[in-house]
PDB file of all heavy atoms in Angstrom:
ATOM      1  N   GLU A   1      10.554   8.624  -3.923  1.00  0.00           N
ATOM      2  CA  GLU A   1       9.758   9.613  -3.166  1.00  0.00           C
ATOM      3  C   GLU A   1       8.364   9.794  -3.767  1.00  0.00           C
ATOM      4  O   GLU A   1       7.404   9.900  -3.045  1.00  0.00           O
ATOM      5  CB  GLU A   1      10.506  10.961  -3.114  1.00  0.00           C
ATOM      6  CG  GLU A   1      11.665  10.969  -2.171  1.00  0.00           C
ATOM      7  CD  GLU A   1      11.290  10.602  -0.738  1.00  0.00           C
ATOM      8  OE1 GLU A   1      10.283  11.134  -0.243  1.00  0.00           O
ATOM      9  OE2 GLU A   1      11.959   9.722  -0.141  1.00  0.00           O
ATOM     10  N   ASP A   2       8.298   9.815  -5.109  1.00  0.00           N
ATOM     11  CA  ASP A   2       6.994   9.920  -5.749  1.00  0.00           C
ATOM     12  C   ASP A   2       6.161   8.670  -5.479  1.00  0.00           C
ATOM     13  O   ASP A   2       4.926   8.766  -5.285  1.00  0.00           O
ATOM     14  CB  ASP A   2       7.204  10.119  -7.265  1.00  0.00           C
ATOM     15  CG  ASP A   2       5.925  10.607  -7.991  1.00  0.00           C
ATOM     16  OD1 ASP A   2       5.249  11.478  -7.456  1.00  0.00           O
ATOM     17  OD2 ASP A   2       5.654  10.065  -9.056  1.00  0.00           O
ATOM     18  N   LEU A   3       6.794   7.506  -5.443  1.00  0.00           N
ATOM     19  CA  LEU A   3       6.099   6.274  -5.119  1.00  0.00           C
ATOM     20  C   LEU A   3       5.560   6.330  -3.673  1.00  0.00           C
ATOM     21  O   LEU A   3       4.408   5.913  -3.421  1.00  0.00           O
ATOM     22  CB  LEU A   3       7.014   5.063  -5.286  1.00  0.00           C
ATOM     23  CG  LEU A   3       6.458   3.719  -4.777  1.00  0.00           C
ATOM     24  CD1 LEU A   3       5.235   3.327  -5.599  1.00  0.00           C
ATOM     25  CD2 LEU A   3       7.540   2.666  -4.863  1.00  0.00           C
ATOM     26  N   LYS A   4       6.337   6.845  -2.754  1.00  0.00           N
ATOM     27  CA  LYS A   4       5.845   6.941  -1.381  1.00  0.00           C
ATOM     28  C   LYS A   4       4.586   7.812  -1.322  1.00  0.00           C
ATOM     29  O   LYS A   4       3.646   7.481  -0.588  1.00  0.00           O
ATOM     30  CB  LYS A   4       6.940   7.577  -0.480  1.00  0.00           C
ATOM     31  CG  LYS A   4       8.087   6.650  -0.203  1.00  0.00           C
ATOM     32  CD  LYS A   4       9.134   7.353   0.632  1.00  0.00           C
ATOM     33  CE  LYS A   4      10.346   6.541   0.879  1.00  0.00           C
ATOM     34  NZ  LYS A   4      11.373   7.285   1.673  1.00  0.00           N
ATOM     35  N   GLU A   5       4.534   8.890  -2.081  1.00  0.00           N
ATOM     36  CA  GLU A   5       3.356   9.748  -2.101  1.00  0.00           C
ATOM     37  C   GLU A   5       2.187   8.992  -2.709  1.00  0.00           C
ATOM     38  O   GLU A   5       1.061   9.057  -2.216  1.00  0.00           O
ATOM     39  CB  GLU A   5       3.647  11.031  -2.900  1.00  0.00           C
ATOM     40  CG  GLU A   5       2.460  11.968  -2.967  1.00  0.00           C
ATOM     41  CD  GLU A   5       1.991  12.452  -1.610  1.00  0.00           C
ATOM     42  OE1 GLU A   5       2.749  12.474  -0.624  1.00  0.00           O
ATOM     43  OE2 GLU A   5       0.775  12.868  -1.532  1.00  0.00           O
ATOM     44  N   ALA A   6       2.440   8.221  -3.789  1.00  0.00           N
ATOM     45  CA  ALA A   6       1.379   7.423  -4.405  1.00  0.00           C
ATOM     46  C   ALA A   6       0.837   6.390  -3.406  1.00  0.00           C
ATOM     47  O   ALA A   6      -0.385   6.144  -3.334  1.00  0.00           O
ATOM     48  CB  ALA A   6       1.902   6.741  -5.656  1.00  0.00           C
ATOM     49  N   LEU A   7       1.734   5.784  -2.639  1.00  0.00           N
ATOM     50  CA  LEU A   7       1.285   4.819  -1.614  1.00  0.00           C
ATOM     51  C   LEU A   7       0.461   5.491  -0.536  1.00  0.00           C
ATOM     52  O   LEU A   7      -0.517   4.899  -0.108  1.00  0.00           O
ATOM     53  CB  LEU A   7       2.490   4.080  -1.025  1.00  0.00           C
ATOM     54  CG  LEU A   7       3.229   3.136  -1.978  1.00  0.00           C
ATOM     55  CD1 LEU A   7       4.555   2.668  -1.365  1.00  0.00           C
ATOM     56  CD2 LEU A   7       2.337   1.946  -2.305  1.00  0.00           C
ATOM     57  N   ARG A   8       0.893   6.660  -0.134  1.00  0.00           N
ATOM     58  CA  ARG A   8       0.103   7.449   0.896  1.00  0.00           C
ATOM     59  C   ARG A   8      -1.350   7.689   0.391  1.00  0.00           C
ATOM     60  O   ARG A   8      -2.281   7.526   1.085  1.00  0.00           O
ATOM     61  CB  ARG A   8       0.812   8.755   1.254  1.00  0.00           C
ATOM     62  CG  ARG A   8       1.857   8.598   2.282  1.00  0.00           C
ATOM     63  CD  ARG A   8       2.345   9.968   2.785  1.00  0.00           C
ATOM     64  NE  ARG A   8       3.247  10.647   1.874  1.00  0.00           N
ATOM     65  CZ  ARG A   8       4.530  10.452   1.767  1.00  0.00           C
ATOM     66  NH1 ARG A   8       5.130   9.581   2.600  1.00  0.00           N
ATOM     67  NH2 ARG A   8       5.285  11.095   0.938  1.00  0.00           N
ATOM     68  N   LEU A   9      -1.406   8.119  -0.891  1.00  0.00           N
ATOM     69  CA  LEU A   9      -2.703   8.416  -1.475  1.00  0.00           C
ATOM     70  C   LEU A   9      -3.540   7.151  -1.621  1.00  0.00           C
ATOM     71  O   LEU A   9      -4.761   7.171  -1.385  1.00  0.00           O
ATOM     72  CB  LEU A   9      -2.534   9.092  -2.810  1.00  0.00           C
ATOM     73  CG  LEU A   9      -1.952  10.508  -2.796  1.00  0.00           C
ATOM     74  CD1 LEU A   9      -1.635  10.977  -4.190  1.00  0.00           C
ATOM     75  CD2 LEU A   9      -2.924  11.434  -2.087  1.00  0.00           C
ATOM     76  N   TYR A  10      -2.923   6.048  -1.995  1.00  0.00           N
ATOM     77  CA  TYR A  10      -3.637   4.760  -2.089  1.00  0.00           C
ATOM     78  C   TYR A  10      -4.227   4.396  -0.749  1.00  0.00           C
ATOM     79  O   TYR A  10      -5.376   4.026  -0.638  1.00  0.00           O
ATOM     80  CB  TYR A  10      -2.685   3.676  -2.589  1.00  0.00           C
ATOM     81  CG  TYR A  10      -3.401   2.331  -2.817  1.00  0.00           C
ATOM     82  CD1 TYR A  10      -3.952   2.065  -4.045  1.00  0.00           C
ATOM     83  CD2 TYR A  10      -3.517   1.422  -1.776  1.00  0.00           C
ATOM     84  CE1 TYR A  10      -4.627   0.839  -4.216  1.00  0.00           C
ATOM     85  CE2 TYR A  10      -4.173   0.234  -1.967  1.00  0.00           C
ATOM     86  CZ  TYR A  10      -4.723  -0.074  -3.184  1.00  0.00           C
ATOM     87  OH  TYR A  10      -5.403  -1.236  -3.379  1.00  0.00           O
ATOM     88  N   ILE A  11      -3.428   4.486   0.287  1.00  0.00           N
ATOM     89  CA  ILE A  11      -3.866   4.156   1.625  1.00  0.00           C
ATOM     90  C   ILE A  11      -4.988   5.122   2.087  1.00  0.00           C
ATOM     91  O   ILE A  11      -5.960   4.714   2.726  1.00  0.00           O
ATOM     92  CB  ILE A  11      -2.671   4.158   2.648  1.00  0.00           C
ATOM     93  CG1 ILE A  11      -1.751   2.988   2.297  1.00  0.00           C
ATOM     94  CG2 ILE A  11      -3.166   4.082   4.064  1.00  0.00           C
ATOM     95  CD1 ILE A  11      -0.417   3.013   2.984  1.00  0.00           C
ATOM     96  N   GLU A  12      -4.850   6.387   1.757  1.00  0.00           N
ATOM     97  CA  GLU A  12      -5.876   7.367   2.117  1.00  0.00           C
ATOM     98  C   GLU A  12      -7.217   7.049   1.487  1.00  0.00           C
ATOM     99  O   GLU A  12      -8.258   7.160   2.119  1.00  0.00           O
ATOM    100  CB  GLU A  12      -5.415   8.756   1.661  1.00  0.00           C
ATOM    101  CG  GLU A  12      -6.223   9.894   2.136  1.00  0.00           C
ATOM    102  CD  GLU A  12      -5.651  11.244   1.731  1.00  0.00           C
ATOM    103  OE1 GLU A  12      -4.535  11.554   2.145  1.00  0.00           O
ATOM    104  OE2 GLU A  12      -6.341  11.946   0.953  1.00  0.00           O
ATOM    105  N   VAL A  13      -7.162   6.594   0.220  1.00  0.00           N
ATOM    106  CA  VAL A  13      -8.419   6.308  -0.479  1.00  0.00           C
ATOM    107  C   VAL A  13      -8.947   4.896  -0.121  1.00  0.00           C
ATOM    108  O   VAL A  13     -10.128   4.729   0.151  1.00  0.00           O
ATOM    109  CB  VAL A  13      -8.201   6.421  -2.013  1.00  0.00           C
ATOM    110  CG1 VAL A  13      -9.402   5.887  -2.792  1.00  0.00           C
ATOM    111  CG2 VAL A  13      -7.878   7.844  -2.399  1.00  0.00           C
ATOM    112  N   ARG A  14      -8.088   3.912  -0.165  1.00  0.00           N
ATOM    113  CA  ARG A  14      -8.514   2.517   0.004  1.00  0.00           C
ATOM    114  C   ARG A  14      -8.457   2.018   1.445  1.00  0.00           C
ATOM    115  O   ARG A  14      -9.125   1.044   1.784  1.00  0.00           O
ATOM    116  CB  ARG A  14      -7.648   1.583  -0.854  1.00  0.00           C
ATOM    117  CG  ARG A  14      -7.648   1.922  -2.317  1.00  0.00           C
ATOM    118  CD  ARG A  14      -8.874   1.414  -2.975  1.00  0.00           C
ATOM    119  NE  ARG A  14      -8.803   1.706  -4.388  1.00  0.00           N
ATOM    120  CZ  ARG A  14      -9.614   1.219  -5.281  1.00  0.00           C
ATOM    121  NH1 ARG A  14     -10.555   0.404  -4.895  1.00  0.00           N
ATOM    122  NH2 ARG A  14      -9.484   1.553  -6.535  1.00  0.00           N
ATOM    123  N   GLY A  15      -7.540   2.585   2.260  1.00  0.00           N
ATOM    124  CA  GLY A  15      -7.386   2.178   3.611  1.00  0.00           C
ATOM    125  C   GLY A  15      -6.154   1.292   3.746  1.00  0.00           C
ATOM    126  O   GLY A  15      -5.747   0.620   2.813  1.00  0.00           O
ATOM    127  N   ILE A  16      -5.609   1.301   4.965  1.00  0.00           N
ATOM    128  CA  ILE A  16      -4.401   0.535   5.272  1.00  0.00           C
ATOM    129  C   ILE A  16      -4.640  -0.981   5.145  1.00  0.00           C
ATOM    130  O   ILE A  16      -3.806  -1.750   4.665  1.00  0.00           O
ATOM    131  CB  ILE A  16      -3.797   0.898   6.625  1.00  0.00           C
ATOM    132  CG1 ILE A  16      -2.430   0.251   6.806  1.00  0.00           C
ATOM    133  CG2 ILE A  16      -4.713   0.558   7.755  1.00  0.00           C
ATOM    134  CD1 ILE A  16      -1.345   0.737   5.862  1.00  0.00           C
ATOM    135  N   ASP A  17      -5.831  -1.407   5.563  1.00  0.00           N
ATOM    136  CA  ASP A  17      -6.137  -2.863   5.497  1.00  0.00           C
ATOM    137  C   ASP A  17      -6.137  -3.356   4.038  1.00  0.00           C
ATOM    138  O   ASP A  17      -5.678  -4.459   3.758  1.00  0.00           O
ATOM    139  CB  ASP A  17      -7.463  -3.165   6.160  1.00  0.00           C
ATOM    140  CG  ASP A  17      -7.448  -2.961   7.680  1.00  0.00           C
ATOM    141  OD1 ASP A  17      -6.340  -3.028   8.239  1.00  0.00           O
ATOM    142  OD2 ASP A  17      -8.509  -2.734   8.268  1.00  0.00           O
ATOM    143  N   ALA A  18      -6.712  -2.532   3.141  1.00  0.00           N
ATOM    144  CA  ALA A  18      -6.690  -2.909   1.712  1.00  0.00           C
ATOM    145  C   ALA A  18      -5.285  -3.008   1.182  1.00  0.00           C
ATOM    146  O   ALA A  18      -4.924  -3.959   0.450  1.00  0.00           O
ATOM    147  CB  ALA A  18      -7.506  -1.943   0.906  1.00  0.00           C
ATOM    148  N   ALA A  19      -4.438  -2.033   1.565  1.00  0.00           N
ATOM    149  CA  ALA A  19      -3.046  -2.085   1.080  1.00  0.00           C
ATOM    150  C   ALA A  19      -2.296  -3.270   1.656  1.00  0.00           C
ATOM    151  O   ALA A  19      -1.597  -3.996   0.933  1.00  0.00           O
ATOM    152  CB  ALA A  19      -2.337  -0.755   1.436  1.00  0.00           C
ATOM    153  N   MET A  20      -2.485  -3.511   2.906  1.00  0.00           N
ATOM    154  CA  MET A  20      -1.768  -4.614   3.587  1.00  0.00           C
ATOM    155  C   MET A  20      -2.248  -5.985   3.056  1.00  0.00           C
ATOM    156  O   MET A  20      -1.456  -6.928   2.976  1.00  0.00           O
ATOM    157  CB  MET A  20      -1.990  -4.556   5.112  1.00  0.00           C
ATOM    158  CG  MET A  20      -1.358  -3.364   5.746  1.00  0.00           C
ATOM    159  SD  MET A  20       0.441  -3.353   5.660  1.00  0.00           S
ATOM    160  CE  MET A  20       0.813  -4.637   6.817  1.00  0.00           C
ATOM    161  N   SER A  21      -3.497  -6.061   2.659  1.00  0.00           N
ATOM    162  CA  SER A  21      -4.022  -7.341   2.134  1.00  0.00           C
ATOM    163  C   SER A  21      -3.363  -7.686   0.786  1.00  0.00           C
ATOM    164  O   SER A  21      -3.395  -8.874   0.380  1.00  0.00           O
ATOM    165  CB  SER A  21      -5.530  -7.295   1.967  1.00  0.00           C
ATOM    166  OG  SER A  21      -5.926  -6.489   0.908  1.00  0.00           O
ATOM    167  N   LEU A  22      -2.820  -6.722   0.075  1.00  0.00           N
ATOM    168  CA  LEU A  22      -2.206  -6.966  -1.207  1.00  0.00           C
ATOM    169  C   LEU A  22      -0.742  -7.414  -1.090  1.00  0.00           C
ATOM    170  O   LEU A  22      -0.187  -7.994  -2.009  1.00  0.00           O
ATOM    171  CB  LEU A  22      -2.294  -5.714  -2.110  1.00  0.00           C
ATOM    172  CG  LEU A  22      -3.690  -5.257  -2.464  1.00  0.00           C
ATOM    173  CD1 LEU A  22      -3.600  -3.916  -3.208  1.00  0.00           C
ATOM    174  CD2 LEU A  22      -4.363  -6.303  -3.300  1.00  0.00           C
ATOM    175  N   VAL A  23      -0.142  -7.072   0.000  1.00  0.00           N
ATOM    176  CA  VAL A  23       1.279  -7.359   0.155  1.00  0.00           C
ATOM    177  C   VAL A  23       1.483  -8.807   0.548  1.00  0.00           C
ATOM    178  O   VAL A  23       0.854  -9.319   1.447  1.00  0.00           O
ATOM    179  CB  VAL A  23       1.895  -6.450   1.238  1.00  0.00           C
ATOM    180  CG1 VAL A  23       3.361  -6.753   1.475  1.00  0.00           C
ATOM    181  CG2 VAL A  23       1.742  -4.987   0.833  1.00  0.00           C
ATOM    182  N   CYS A  24       2.384  -9.467  -0.188  1.00  0.00           N
ATOM    183  CA  CYS A  24       2.685 -10.860   0.090  1.00  0.00           C
ATOM    184  C   CYS A  24       4.024 -10.910   0.814  1.00  0.00           C
ATOM    185  O   CYS A  24       5.075 -10.900   0.190  1.00  0.00           O
ATOM    186  CB  CYS A  24       2.737 -11.654  -1.212  1.00  0.00           C
ATOM    187  SG  CYS A  24       3.071 -13.395  -0.963  1.00  0.00           S
ATOM    188  N   PRO A  25       4.001 -10.956   2.166  1.00  0.00           N
ATOM    189  CA  PRO A  25       5.262 -10.881   2.934  1.00  0.00           C
ATOM    190  C   PRO A  25       6.182 -12.091   2.763  1.00  0.00           C
ATOM    191  O   PRO A  25       7.345 -12.017   3.090  1.00  0.00           O
ATOM    192  CB  PRO A  25       4.800 -10.750   4.370  1.00  0.00           C
ATOM    193  CG  PRO A  25       3.458 -11.382   4.409  1.00  0.00           C
ATOM    194  CD  PRO A  25       2.855 -11.130   3.026  1.00  0.00           C
ATOM    195  N   ARG A  26       5.669 -13.186   2.258  1.00  0.00           N
ATOM    196  CA  ARG A  26       6.492 -14.389   2.146  1.00  0.00           C
ATOM    197  C   ARG A  26       7.049 -14.560   0.738  1.00  0.00           C
ATOM    198  O   ARG A  26       7.693 -15.573   0.438  1.00  0.00           O
ATOM    199  CB  ARG A  26       5.724 -15.600   2.542  1.00  0.00           C
ATOM    200  CG  ARG A  26       5.351 -15.537   4.014  1.00  0.00           C
ATOM    201  CD  ARG A  26       4.825 -16.832   4.508  1.00  0.00           C
ATOM    202  NE  ARG A  26       4.560 -16.685   5.939  1.00  0.00           N
ATOM    203  CZ  ARG A  26       3.499 -17.188   6.580  1.00  0.00           C
ATOM    204  NH1 ARG A  26       2.653 -17.883   5.859  1.00  0.00           N
ATOM    205  NH2 ARG A  26       3.345 -16.989   7.854  1.00  0.00           N
ATOM    206  N   ALA A  27       6.782 -13.635  -0.120  1.00  0.00           N
ATOM    207  CA  ALA A  27       7.289 -13.759  -1.522  1.00  0.00           C
ATOM    208  C   ALA A  27       8.809 -13.660  -1.508  1.00  0.00           C
ATOM    209  O   ALA A  27       9.404 -12.914  -0.758  1.00  0.00           O
ATOM    210  CB  ALA A  27       6.723 -12.647  -2.387  1.00  0.00           C
ATOM    211  N   VAL A  28       9.414 -14.440  -2.380  1.00  0.00           N
ATOM    212  CA  VAL A  28      10.845 -14.397  -2.555  1.00  0.00           C
ATOM    213  C   VAL A  28      11.120 -13.941  -3.988  1.00  0.00           C
ATOM    214  O   VAL A  28      10.544 -14.462  -4.944  1.00  0.00           O
ATOM    215  CB  VAL A  28      11.447 -15.828  -2.340  1.00  0.00           C
ATOM    216  CG1 VAL A  28      12.938 -15.801  -2.639  1.00  0.00           C
ATOM    217  CG2 VAL A  28      11.184 -16.292  -0.949  1.00  0.00           C
TER     218      VAL A  28
END
């Protein structure tokens, strides 16, 4: 739950595009 809040704040400051650009959806 605390991580979810940290992610919300990250997105609020950096933007959703910045957050999405960091995620590697094909990682195993």
